[in-house]
Protein backbone atom coordinates (compact mmCIF):
# COMPACT_ATOMS: atom_id res chain seq x y z
CA MET A 1 -0.05 -0.01 0.09
CA GLN A 2 2.94 2.54 0.82
CA MET A 3 4.73 1.88 -2.27
CA GLU A 4 1.64 2.37 -4.37
CA LYS A 5 1.05 5.72 -2.69
CA THR A 6 5.11 6.46 -3.24
CA ARG A 7 4.38 5.65 -6.87
CA GLU A 8 1.30 7.54 -7.26
CA ILE A 9 3.09 10.69 -5.58
CA VAL A 10 6.09 10.42 -8.35
CA ARG A 11 3.34 10.31 -10.96
CA LEU A 12 1.77 13.42 -9.61
CA PHE A 13 5.14 15.20 -9.58
CA GLU A 14 5.64 14.04 -13.43
CA ARG A 15 2.18 15.76 -13.93
CA ALA A 16 3.17 18.77 -11.81
CA SER A 17 6.24 19.53 -13.77
CA ALA A 18 4.73 19.34 -17.16
CA GLU A 19 1.63 21.69 -16.03
CA HIS A 20 4.55 24.03 -14.35
CA LEU A 21 6.22 24.23 -17.82
CA ALA A 22 3.07 24.78 -19.70
CA TRP A 23 2.12 27.53 -17.26
CA LEU A 24 5.36 29.28 -17.36
CA MET A 25 5.06 29.55 -21.02
CA ARG A 26 1.85 31.38 -21.00
CA VAL A 27 3.40 33.60 -18.65
CA HIS A 28 6.12 34.66 -21.00
CA SER A 29 3.84 34.58 -23.65
CA ALA A 30 1.44 37.39 -21.39
CA LEU A 31 4.63 39.16 -20.95
CA MET A 32 5.55 39.48 -24.35
CA PHE A 33 2.03 40.33 -25.68
CA PRO A 34 0.53 42.59 -23.02
CA GLY A 35 -3.33 42.42 -23.17
CA SER A 36 -3.58 39.06 -24.48
CA PRO A 37 -6.67 37.44 -23.67
CA ASP A 38 -5.14 34.11 -22.76
CA MET A 39 -4.08 35.25 -19.40
CA PRO A 40 -2.68 32.54 -17.03
CA ALA A 41 -4.71 33.55 -14.01
CA CYS A 42 -3.23 30.70 -11.73
CA ALA A 43 -0.38 28.30 -11.31
CA PRO A 44 -0.97 24.45 -11.67
CA ASP A 45 -2.79 22.54 -8.63
CA ALA A 46 -0.83 19.75 -8.83
CA PRO A 47 1.30 20.53 -5.58
CA LEU A 48 -2.17 21.08 -3.90
CA THR A 49 -3.41 17.74 -4.97
CA LEU A 50 0.08 16.07 -3.95
CA LEU A 51 -0.27 17.74 -0.62
CA GLY A 52 -3.51 15.77 -0.21
CA ALA A 53 -2.08 12.31 -1.05
CA CYS A 54 0.66 12.37 1.53
CA ALA A 55 0.85 11.34 5.11
CA CYS A 56 1.62 14.03 7.83
CA GLY A 57 5.34 13.63 7.88
CA GLU A 58 5.50 13.74 4.13
CA ALA A 59 3.08 16.65 3.96
CA GLU A 60 5.81 19.03 5.93
CA ASP A 61 8.02 18.85 2.72
CA LEU A 62 5.21 19.22 0.19
CA ALA A 63 3.64 22.37 2.30
CA ALA A 64 6.57 24.45 1.98
CA LEU A 65 6.38 23.28 -1.84
CA VAL A 66 2.79 24.84 -1.86
CA ARG A 67 4.19 28.20 0.02
CA LEU A 68 6.84 28.49 -2.60
CA ARG A 69 4.01 27.79 -5.13
CA GLY A 70 1.99 30.92 -3.69
CA ALA A 71 5.15 33.21 -3.87
CA MET A 72 5.62 32.32 -7.38
CA HIS A 73 1.87 32.87 -8.45
CA GLY A 74 1.80 36.26 -6.38
CA GLN A 75 4.82 37.45 -8.42
CA ALA A 76 3.33 36.44 -11.65
CA GLN A 77 0.01 38.15 -10.92
CA GLU A 78 1.97 41.53 -9.89
CA LEU A 79 4.17 41.04 -13.03
CA LEU A 80 1.30 40.49 -15.30
CA GLY A 81 -0.70 43.40 -13.92
CA LYS A 82 2.26 45.84 -14.61
CA ALA A 83 2.73 44.29 -18.09
CA ALA A 84 -0.99 45.13 -18.95
CA ARG A 85 -1.19 48.63 -17.29
CA GLN A 86 2.30 49.63 -18.52
CA GLY A 87 2.99 47.76 -21.91
CA GLY A 88 5.89 46.20 -20.36
CA VAL A 89 7.79 45.06 -17.16
CA GLU A 90 10.88 46.52 -15.17
CA PRO A 91 14.02 44.20 -15.25
CA ALA A 92 13.98 44.14 -11.42
CA ASP A 93 10.52 42.82 -11.22
CA TYR A 94 11.09 40.11 -14.02
CA GLN A 95 14.32 38.90 -11.89
CA ALA A 96 12.16 38.85 -8.62
CA PHE A 97 9.72 36.54 -10.34
CA MET A 98 12.26 34.19 -12.12
CA ALA A 99 13.93 33.87 -8.53
CA ALA A 100 10.33 32.83 -7.05
CA VAL A 101 10.34 30.45 -10.03
CA ASP A 102 13.84 29.11 -9.34
CA ALA A 103 13.07 28.77 -5.63
CA TYR A 104 9.81 26.70 -6.50
CA SER A 105 11.69 24.40 -9.02
CA ARG A 106 14.53 23.79 -6.87
CA GLU A 107 12.35 22.83 -4.23
CA ALA A 108 10.11 20.45 -6.57
CA ARG A 109 13.33 18.89 -7.52
CA ARG A 110 14.23 18.26 -3.98
CA VAL A 111 11.18 16.79 -2.86
CA GLU A 112 10.54 14.55 -5.88
CA ASN A 113 14.17 13.04 -5.67
CA HIS A 114 13.18 12.34 -2.17
CA PHE A 115 10.17 10.35 -3.32
CA ARG A 116 11.79 8.68 -6.15
CA ARG A 117 14.67 7.52 -3.63
CA LEU A 118 11.94 6.13 -1.51
CA LEU A 119 10.69 4.15 -4.36
CA VAL A 120 13.99 2.54 -5.13
CA GLU A 121 14.72 2.13 -1.59
CA THR A 122 11.58 0.13 -0.60
CA ASP A 123 11.09 -3.76 -0.87
CA PRO A 124 8.20 -4.26 -3.44
CA LEU A 125 6.65 -7.51 -1.34
CA THR A 126 6.74 -6.22 2.16
CA GLY A 127 6.84 -2.38 1.82
CA VAL A 128 9.57 -1.76 4.36
CA HIS A 129 13.07 -0.45 3.40
CA ASN A 130 15.15 -2.53 1.36
CA ARG A 131 19.21 -2.93 1.62
CA GLN A 132 19.64 -0.20 -1.11
CA GLY A 133 20.17 2.68 1.62
CA MET A 134 20.83 0.76 4.71
CA THR A 135 24.55 1.06 5.05
CA ARG A 136 24.05 4.84 4.52
CA ASP A 137 21.42 5.00 7.13
CA LEU A 138 23.32 2.77 9.49
CA ARG A 139 26.26 5.13 9.01
CA ARG A 140 24.27 8.15 9.82
CA GLU A 141 22.85 6.68 12.98
CA TRP A 142 26.42 5.85 13.95
CA THR A 143 27.85 9.29 13.34
CA ARG A 144 24.83 10.82 15.22
CA SER A 145 25.41 8.40 18.04
CA LEU A 146 29.20 9.59 18.10
CA ARG A 147 28.14 13.06 17.90
CA THR A 148 25.48 13.10 20.90
CA GLY A 149 26.81 10.09 23.13
CA GLN A 150 23.37 8.36 22.66
CA PRO A 151 23.83 4.65 22.13
CA VAL A 152 22.41 2.96 19.23
CA CYS A 153 22.02 -0.90 18.44
CA VAL A 154 21.32 -2.76 15.15
CA ALA A 155 19.33 -6.01 15.35
CA LEU A 156 18.77 -8.96 13.03
CA ALA A 157 15.37 -10.88 13.19
CA ASP A 158 14.81 -14.26 11.48
CA LEU A 159 11.63 -15.76 11.08
CA ASP A 160 11.97 -19.58 12.65
CA HIS A 161 11.27 -22.68 10.42
CA PHE A 162 10.24 -20.35 7.44
CA LYS A 163 10.97 -22.96 4.98
CA VAL A 164 8.44 -25.29 6.59
CA VAL A 165 5.63 -22.14 5.88
CA ASN A 166 6.56 -22.61 2.17
CA ASP A 167 6.55 -26.29 2.03
CA THR A 168 3.24 -26.77 3.73
CA TRP A 169 1.11 -23.81 2.73
CA GLY A 170 3.14 -22.76 -0.43
CA HIS A 171 5.08 -19.50 -1.46
CA ALA A 172 1.97 -17.25 -1.70
CA ALA A 173 1.40 -18.15 2.13
CA GLY A 174 5.06 -17.38 2.72
CA ASP A 175 4.79 -13.88 1.00
CA ARG A 176 1.52 -13.36 3.24
CA VAL A 177 3.64 -14.00 6.13
CA LEU A 178 6.65 -11.85 5.29
CA CYS A 179 4.25 -9.05 4.74
CA ALA A 180 2.47 -9.45 8.06
CA ALA A 181 5.84 -9.61 9.94
CA ALA A 182 6.91 -6.55 7.91
CA ARG A 183 3.68 -4.59 9.18
CA PHE A 184 3.98 -6.01 12.60
CA PHE A 185 7.51 -4.77 12.94
CA GLN A 186 6.87 -1.46 11.57
CA ARG A 187 3.79 -0.70 13.85
CA ARG A 188 5.25 -2.23 17.23
CA LEU A 189 8.81 -0.57 17.06
CA ARG A 190 8.86 3.14 17.72
CA PRO A 191 8.53 5.83 14.83
CA TYR A 192 12.16 6.69 14.89
CA ASP A 193 13.47 2.76 14.56
CA THR A 194 13.66 1.76 10.81
CA VAL A 195 13.01 -1.65 9.74
CA TYR A 196 14.80 -2.99 6.52
CA ARG A 197 14.06 -6.34 4.81
CA TYR A 198 17.75 -7.89 4.96
CA GLY A 199 17.25 -11.04 2.54
CA GLY A 200 15.06 -13.79 2.55
CA GLU A 201 13.03 -14.03 5.79
CA GLU A 202 15.23 -11.63 7.51
CA PHE A 203 14.56 -8.17 8.81
CA LEU A 204 17.28 -5.68 10.10
CA PHE A 205 16.29 -2.99 12.73
CA ILE A 206 18.08 0.28 13.46
CA LEU A 207 17.32 1.31 16.99
CA PRO A 208 18.77 4.58 17.64
CA ASN A 209 19.08 6.06 21.45
CA THR A 210 18.85 2.50 22.60
CA ASP A 211 21.67 0.62 24.59
CA ALA A 212 22.00 -3.38 24.17
CA ASP A 213 20.08 -4.21 27.31
CA THR A 214 17.04 -1.75 26.66
CA ALA A 215 17.08 -3.14 23.04
CA ALA A 216 16.92 -6.71 24.27
CA LYS A 217 14.11 -6.15 26.47
CA VAL A 218 12.24 -4.21 23.81
CA LEU A 219 12.67 -6.94 21.16
CA ASP A 220 11.78 -9.70 23.50
CA ARG A 221 8.52 -7.93 24.13
CA LEU A 222 8.27 -7.62 20.25
CA ARG A 223 9.09 -11.55 19.70
CA ARG A 224 6.59 -12.94 22.32
CA THR A 225 3.88 -10.70 20.86
CA LEU A 226 4.49 -11.98 17.48
CA ALA A 227 4.33 -15.67 18.91
CA ARG A 228 0.86 -14.90 19.86
CA VAL A 229 -0.55 -13.59 16.53
CA PRO A 230 -0.69 -16.16 13.64
CA VAL A 231 -1.11 -15.37 10.42
CA VAL A 232 -4.35 -16.30 8.55
CA ALA A 233 -3.69 -17.80 5.14
CA GLU A 234 -6.25 -17.49 2.27
CA SER A 235 -7.64 -21.13 3.08
CA GLY A 236 -8.35 -19.91 6.66
CA GLU A 237 -5.47 -21.83 8.33
CA ARG A 238 -3.72 -19.92 11.11
CA ILE A 239 -0.15 -20.08 10.46
CA PRO A 240 2.12 -19.65 13.60
CA VAL A 241 4.93 -17.24 13.24
CA ALA A 242 7.81 -16.70 15.31
CA CYS A 243 11.16 -15.35 15.27
CA SER A 244 14.77 -15.34 16.67
CA ILE A 245 16.85 -12.02 17.06
CA GLY A 246 20.36 -11.07 17.35
CA VAL A 247 21.26 -7.55 19.06
CA ALA A 248 24.45 -5.84 18.85
CA GLN A 249 25.40 -2.08 20.14
CA MET A 250 27.53 -0.03 18.05
CA VAL A 251 30.83 0.78 19.82
CA PRO A 252 33.69 2.99 19.05
CA GLY A 253 36.33 1.28 16.94
CA ARG A 254 33.73 -1.00 15.35
CA SER A 255 32.36 -0.34 11.86
CA VAL A 256 28.90 -0.60 10.77
CA HIS A 257 29.60 -3.58 9.14
CA GLU A 258 31.36 -5.47 12.03
CA ALA A 259 28.21 -4.34 14.24
CA VAL A 260 25.93 -5.95 11.71
CA GLY A 261 28.13 -9.10 11.62
CA ALA A 262 28.01 -9.15 15.54
CA ALA A 263 24.11 -8.95 15.47
CA ASP A 264 24.30 -11.83 12.73
CA ARG A 265 26.64 -14.21 15.17
CA ALA A 266 24.21 -13.22 17.96
CA LEU A 267 21.26 -14.32 15.87
CA TYR A 268 22.80 -17.64 15.02
CA ALA A 269 23.20 -18.22 18.92
CA ALA A 270 19.53 -17.54 19.28
CA LYS A 271 18.85 -20.31 16.46
CA ASN A 272 21.50 -22.54 18.09
CA ALA A 273 19.71 -22.18 21.68
CA GLY A 274 16.30 -23.17 20.48
CA ARG A 275 15.02 -20.39 18.31
CA ASN A 276 12.14 -17.91 19.50
CA ARG A 277 14.53 -15.91 21.58
CA VAL A 278 16.75 -12.54 21.68
CA GLU A 279 20.57 -13.01 22.09
CA VAL A 280 22.76 -9.78 22.86
CA ALA A 281 26.45 -9.93 21.09
CA GLU A 282 29.52 -9.53 23.44
CA SER A 283 30.83 -6.20 22.75
CA ALA A 284 34.54 -7.51 22.93
CA GLU A 285 34.17 -10.59 20.44
CA PRO A 286 36.22 -10.79 17.28
CA VAL A 287 34.63 -9.54 14.25
CA PRO A 288 34.78 -10.79 10.65
CA SER A 289 35.69 -8.78 7.56
CA PRO A 290 33.08 -7.01 5.35
CA GLU A 291 33.82 -9.72 2.78
CA ALA A 292 32.63 -12.51 5.05
CA ILE A 293 29.89 -10.63 6.10
CA ALA A 294 28.48 -10.22 2.64
CA ALA A 295 29.41 -14.03 1.86
CA ARG A 296 26.55 -14.86 4.45
CA LEU A 297 23.91 -12.81 3.20
CA HIS A 298 20.86 -14.47 1.69
CA PRO A 299 18.95 -13.98 -1.48
CA ILE A 300 15.48 -12.40 -1.16
CA ARG A 301 13.75 -15.75 -2.16
CA GLY A 302 15.45 -18.63 -0.36
CA GLY A 303 16.11 -20.78 2.70
CA GLY A 304 17.66 -18.64 5.61
CA ARG A 305 18.30 -20.06 8.93
CA HIS A 306 14.95 -21.92 9.46
C-alpha cells in the first residue's frame, strides 16, 4: 500500500512538472504580448493534489512547496498586472519573478528526488526499506551516536522455520507471512526505529538512542507478541509465526559492517539455543571482515536459517 502511494506521488510530480512548464510558457507569452486574452490567472494545482495524497510527515515538505508555489503565483500576478497597465515590465520585477520560479523549481526537484529515492529503496513485497540505503542509514545513525553520545543498536530478526511455511502452505502463504511480519515490526517498533528487509525471511532493525540491554527487552516483548499473533492463510488456516533476534550495540572502533556481523552471530546463537528468543552480542568478541559478512547474506527468495 505504501509503495503504491509513493508511485502515485511520483506520477503526480511528473504531472506537476509538465503543468508548471506549460503555465510558465503562458506567463512569458503574456509578458511578451500584454493584453492577450489568454492570461494565465493561476499556477498549476498539482502541488495541492500532492499535499492531499501524502501522510503527515511527508506533507511537511510538500507544504513548503505549496508556499513557494503561492509566492511564485503572487509574483506572476503582480508582473502580469504591471505588463497590462504599463505595456511592459521593469527588469528588477522580472528578475524577482524568476527568482521565485527558481526557488519553486529547486524545491520541487528536491522533494521529487526524495520520493523517487523512497521508491528505489522500498522492498516491493513487504513495503519496508530494502538494503539499497541501509548502509548509508547505519552510518548516519552511527555518526549521530558519536556526536551526541547516545547509544545505537542494530538487530537482525529471522522468522523461525520459514521453509516449513513455504513447504506446507506454499509460497503465496510465505509471502503473506513476510508481509504480515513486516507490518507488525513497523507498527510495534518506535516511529524513529527503522525496519529493513535484509534478505529472505530476515529483517534488520536500527534502534537509535537505545543500549543493548534496553534493545533486548524491547525486542523480547516484540518477539513474544509476534508469537501470539498467527497469520491467517487464504484457506483460513492459522499459520504460527515466531522469530529469533540477534542484537549488537555499536561501539567505538567497530564499523557498521562489524556491528551487523556481531548481530548476525548473536542471531545464530539464538537459533542454536532453540529459536524464538533474543541474544545480545558480546561487545568484545572478534569481528569478521566485510567480505565475510557479505558472503553470509541471503537472497531475497531462499532458505535462511529456518
